[in-house]
Amino acid sequence: MAGFTRMIRTEVVRVRATEYVEAAFGIGSTFWQVVWRHIVPNSLAPALSLATLRLGTAILAISTICFLGYGPSPPRRNGA
């Protein structure tokens, strides 16, 4: 979680410093309008790419644990 939090904060600070966000504040947009129209969409792409990479890593870790025999036991058949 710490990696996601740091990355999201860095992206929000980077987007917040751009000229189009300052221009949106300059024309009278409210804070929440700027957040939902400019900051969230432009900060979301790096977060989704990081989540995709972390999901792949998690799948590999789980499959490694199962291969070593430390995963969940296979289901039993009733009556066998």
N, C-alpha and C. Protein backbone atom coordinates (compact mmCIF):
# COMPACT_ATOMS: atom_id res chain seq x y z
N MET A 1 0.82 -1.19 0.00
CA MET A 1 0.00 0.00 0.00
C MET A 1 0.86 1.26 0.00
N ALA A 2 1.99 1.20 0.66
CA ALA A 2 2.82 2.40 0.74
C ALA A 2 3.31 2.83 -0.64
N GLY A 3 3.64 1.86 -1.49
CA GLY A 3 4.10 2.19 -2.83
C GLY A 3 3.02 2.87 -3.65
N PHE A 4 1.77 2.37 -3.55
CA PHE A 4 0.66 3.00 -4.26
C PHE A 4 0.42 4.42 -3.73
N THR A 5 0.47 4.57 -2.44
CA THR A 5 0.21 5.88 -1.84
C THR A 5 1.25 6.90 -2.28
N ARG A 6 2.52 6.50 -2.25
CA ARG A 6 3.59 7.41 -2.68
C ARG A 6 3.44 7.78 -4.14
N MET A 7 3.14 6.79 -4.98
CA MET A 7 3.02 7.05 -6.40
C MET A 7 1.82 7.95 -6.71
N ILE A 8 0.69 7.70 -6.06
CA ILE A 8 -0.50 8.53 -6.28
C ILE A 8 -0.23 9.96 -5.82
N ARG A 9 0.38 10.12 -4.67
CA ARG A 9 0.67 11.47 -4.18
C ARG A 9 1.61 12.21 -5.12
N THR A 10 2.63 11.53 -5.61
CA THR A 10 3.57 12.15 -6.55
C THR A 10 2.87 12.58 -7.82
N GLU A 11 1.99 11.74 -8.35
CA GLU A 11 1.26 12.09 -9.57
C GLU A 11 0.30 13.25 -9.34
N VAL A 12 -0.37 13.27 -8.20
CA VAL A 12 -1.31 14.37 -7.91
C VAL A 12 -0.55 15.68 -7.78
N VAL A 13 0.59 15.66 -7.12
CA VAL A 13 1.39 16.88 -6.99
C VAL A 13 1.89 17.34 -8.35
N ARG A 14 2.29 16.38 -9.20
CA ARG A 14 2.78 16.73 -10.53
C ARG A 14 1.67 17.35 -11.38
N VAL A 15 0.49 16.74 -11.36
CA VAL A 15 -0.63 17.25 -12.15
C VAL A 15 -1.11 18.58 -11.59
N ARG A 16 -1.10 18.71 -10.29
CA ARG A 16 -1.56 19.96 -9.65
C ARG A 16 -0.71 21.15 -10.07
N ALA A 17 0.55 20.92 -10.42
CA ALA A 17 1.45 22.02 -10.79
C ALA A 17 1.37 22.38 -12.27
N THR A 18 0.55 21.70 -13.05
CA THR A 18 0.46 21.99 -14.48
C THR A 18 -0.34 23.27 -14.73
N GLU A 19 -0.14 23.81 -15.93
CA GLU A 19 -0.77 25.09 -16.26
C GLU A 19 -2.28 24.98 -16.43
N TYR A 20 -2.76 23.86 -16.97
CA TYR A 20 -4.20 23.76 -17.20
C TYR A 20 -4.99 23.66 -15.90
N VAL A 21 -4.38 23.11 -14.84
CA VAL A 21 -5.06 23.08 -13.54
C VAL A 21 -5.09 24.49 -12.95
N GLU A 22 -3.99 25.21 -13.08
CA GLU A 22 -3.98 26.60 -12.61
C GLU A 22 -4.96 27.45 -13.40
N ALA A 23 -5.07 27.19 -14.70
CA ALA A 23 -6.03 27.94 -15.53
C ALA A 23 -7.47 27.62 -15.12
N ALA A 24 -7.73 26.35 -14.77
CA ALA A 24 -9.08 25.98 -14.33
C ALA A 24 -9.45 26.71 -13.05
N PHE A 25 -8.50 26.82 -12.13
CA PHE A 25 -8.76 27.61 -10.91
C PHE A 25 -8.94 29.08 -11.27
N GLY A 26 -8.17 29.55 -12.25
CA GLY A 26 -8.23 30.95 -12.65
C GLY A 26 -9.55 31.36 -13.26
N ILE A 27 -10.24 30.45 -13.93
CA ILE A 27 -11.52 30.82 -14.53
C ILE A 27 -12.69 30.64 -13.57
N GLY A 28 -12.39 30.22 -12.35
CA GLY A 28 -13.43 30.17 -11.33
C GLY A 28 -13.98 28.80 -11.02
N SER A 29 -13.34 27.74 -11.46
CA SER A 29 -13.82 26.39 -11.13
C SER A 29 -13.60 26.12 -9.65
N THR A 30 -14.50 25.34 -9.07
CA THR A 30 -14.35 24.99 -7.67
C THR A 30 -13.27 23.91 -7.52
N PHE A 31 -12.87 23.69 -6.29
CA PHE A 31 -11.83 22.69 -6.01
C PHE A 31 -12.24 21.31 -6.50
N TRP A 32 -13.48 20.90 -6.20
CA TRP A 32 -13.93 19.57 -6.57
C TRP A 32 -14.11 19.42 -8.08
N GLN A 33 -14.48 20.48 -8.77
CA GLN A 33 -14.56 20.42 -10.23
C GLN A 33 -13.18 20.16 -10.83
N VAL A 34 -12.18 20.85 -10.32
CA VAL A 34 -10.82 20.67 -10.82
C VAL A 34 -10.32 19.27 -10.48
N VAL A 35 -10.62 18.80 -9.29
CA VAL A 35 -10.16 17.46 -8.90
C VAL A 35 -10.75 16.41 -9.83
N TRP A 36 -12.08 16.43 -10.05
CA TRP A 36 -12.73 15.38 -10.83
C TRP A 36 -12.52 15.53 -12.33
N ARG A 37 -12.31 16.74 -12.83
CA ARG A 37 -12.16 16.93 -14.28
C ARG A 37 -10.71 16.88 -14.75
N HIS A 38 -9.77 17.21 -13.88
CA HIS A 38 -8.39 17.32 -14.33
C HIS A 38 -7.42 16.42 -13.56
N ILE A 39 -7.47 16.47 -12.25
CA ILE A 39 -6.45 15.78 -11.46
C ILE A 39 -6.67 14.27 -11.45
N VAL A 40 -7.88 13.80 -11.18
CA VAL A 40 -8.14 12.35 -11.10
C VAL A 40 -7.89 11.65 -12.44
N PRO A 41 -8.44 12.15 -13.57
CA PRO A 41 -8.19 11.43 -14.82
C PRO A 41 -6.71 11.38 -15.22
N ASN A 42 -5.97 12.43 -14.94
CA ASN A 42 -4.56 12.45 -15.33
C ASN A 42 -3.66 11.74 -14.35
N SER A 43 -4.14 11.43 -13.16
CA SER A 43 -3.35 10.68 -12.19
C SER A 43 -3.71 9.20 -12.17
N LEU A 44 -4.77 8.83 -12.86
CA LEU A 44 -5.26 7.47 -12.80
C LEU A 44 -4.46 6.49 -13.65
N ALA A 45 -3.95 6.91 -14.79
CA ALA A 45 -3.24 6.00 -15.70
C ALA A 45 -2.00 5.37 -15.05
N PRO A 46 -1.13 6.13 -14.40
CA PRO A 46 0.02 5.49 -13.74
C PRO A 46 -0.40 4.54 -12.62
N ALA A 47 -1.48 4.86 -11.91
CA ALA A 47 -1.94 3.99 -10.84
C ALA A 47 -2.45 2.66 -11.40
N LEU A 48 -3.16 2.71 -12.51
CA LEU A 48 -3.66 1.48 -13.12
C LEU A 48 -2.52 0.63 -13.66
N SER A 49 -1.50 1.25 -14.23
CA SER A 49 -0.38 0.47 -14.74
C SER A 49 0.40 -0.17 -13.59
N LEU A 50 0.57 0.54 -12.49
CA LEU A 50 1.25 -0.05 -11.33
C LEU A 50 0.42 -1.19 -10.74
N ALA A 51 -0.89 -1.02 -10.69
CA ALA A 51 -1.76 -2.08 -10.17
C ALA A 51 -1.68 -3.32 -11.05
N THR A 52 -1.60 -3.14 -12.35
CA THR A 52 -1.48 -4.27 -13.26
C THR A 52 -0.18 -5.03 -13.03
N LEU A 53 0.91 -4.30 -12.87
CA LEU A 53 2.20 -4.95 -12.61
C LEU A 53 2.19 -5.67 -11.27
N ARG A 54 1.63 -5.05 -10.26
CA ARG A 54 1.58 -5.68 -8.93
C ARG A 54 0.68 -6.91 -8.92
N LEU A 55 -0.40 -6.89 -9.70
CA LEU A 55 -1.30 -8.04 -9.77
C LEU A 55 -0.56 -9.24 -10.39
N GLY A 56 0.21 -9.01 -11.44
CA GLY A 56 0.99 -10.08 -12.04
C GLY A 56 2.01 -10.65 -11.07
N THR A 57 2.65 -9.79 -10.31
CA THR A 57 3.61 -10.25 -9.31
C THR A 57 2.92 -11.07 -8.23
N ALA A 58 1.73 -10.66 -7.81
CA ALA A 58 0.98 -11.40 -6.79
C ALA A 58 0.58 -12.78 -7.30
N ILE A 59 0.16 -12.85 -8.56
CA ILE A 59 -0.22 -14.15 -9.13
C ILE A 59 0.99 -15.08 -9.17
N LEU A 60 2.14 -14.57 -9.56
CA LEU A 60 3.35 -15.40 -9.58
C LEU A 60 3.74 -15.86 -8.18
N ALA A 61 3.61 -15.00 -7.20
CA ALA A 61 3.95 -15.39 -5.82
C ALA A 61 3.01 -16.47 -5.31
N ILE A 62 1.73 -16.33 -5.57
CA ILE A 62 0.76 -17.33 -5.11
C ILE A 62 1.00 -18.67 -5.81
N SER A 63 1.28 -18.62 -7.11
CA SER A 63 1.51 -19.88 -7.81
C SER A 63 2.80 -20.55 -7.34
N THR A 64 3.80 -19.77 -6.98
CA THR A 64 5.03 -20.35 -6.44
C THR A 64 4.77 -21.03 -5.10
N ILE A 65 4.01 -20.39 -4.25
CA ILE A 65 3.68 -20.98 -2.95
C ILE A 65 2.89 -22.27 -3.13
N CYS A 66 1.94 -22.29 -4.06
CA CYS A 66 1.16 -23.50 -4.31
C CYS A 66 2.03 -24.61 -4.89
N PHE A 67 2.97 -24.25 -5.76
CA PHE A 67 3.86 -25.25 -6.35
C PHE A 67 4.72 -25.91 -5.27
N LEU A 68 5.13 -25.15 -4.30
CA LEU A 68 5.95 -25.69 -3.21
C LEU A 68 5.13 -26.51 -2.22
N GLY A 69 3.82 -26.50 -2.33
CA GLY A 69 2.98 -27.31 -1.48
C GLY A 69 2.45 -26.60 -0.25
N TYR A 70 2.61 -25.32 -0.18
CA TYR A 70 2.14 -24.57 0.98
C TYR A 70 0.83 -23.84 0.73
N GLY A 71 0.20 -24.09 -0.39
CA GLY A 71 -1.06 -23.46 -0.72
C GLY A 71 -2.23 -24.21 -0.12
N PRO A 72 -3.44 -23.89 -0.54
CA PRO A 72 -4.63 -24.59 -0.03
C PRO A 72 -4.64 -26.03 -0.53
N SER A 73 -5.18 -26.92 0.30
CA SER A 73 -5.24 -28.32 -0.11
C SER A 73 -6.34 -28.50 -1.15
N PRO A 74 -6.19 -29.50 -2.02
CA PRO A 74 -7.21 -29.71 -3.06
C PRO A 74 -8.52 -30.17 -2.42
N PRO A 75 -9.63 -29.91 -3.08
CA PRO A 75 -10.92 -30.30 -2.52
C PRO A 75 -11.09 -31.81 -2.49
N ARG A 76 -11.82 -32.29 -1.50
CA ARG A 76 -12.10 -33.72 -1.38
C ARG A 76 -13.43 -34.03 -2.01
N ARG A 77 -13.55 -35.23 -2.54
CA ARG A 77 -14.82 -35.69 -3.06
C ARG A 77 -15.59 -36.35 -1.93
N ASN A 78 -16.88 -36.14 -1.90
CA ASN A 78 -17.72 -36.77 -0.88
C ASN A 78 -17.90 -38.25 -1.17
N GLY A 79 -17.75 -39.10 -0.17
CA GLY A 79 -17.97 -40.51 -0.33
C GLY A 79 -16.75 -41.27 -0.85
N ALA A 80 -15.64 -40.60 -0.97
CA ALA A 80 -14.46 -41.31 -1.49
C ALA A 80 -13.51 -41.71 -0.40
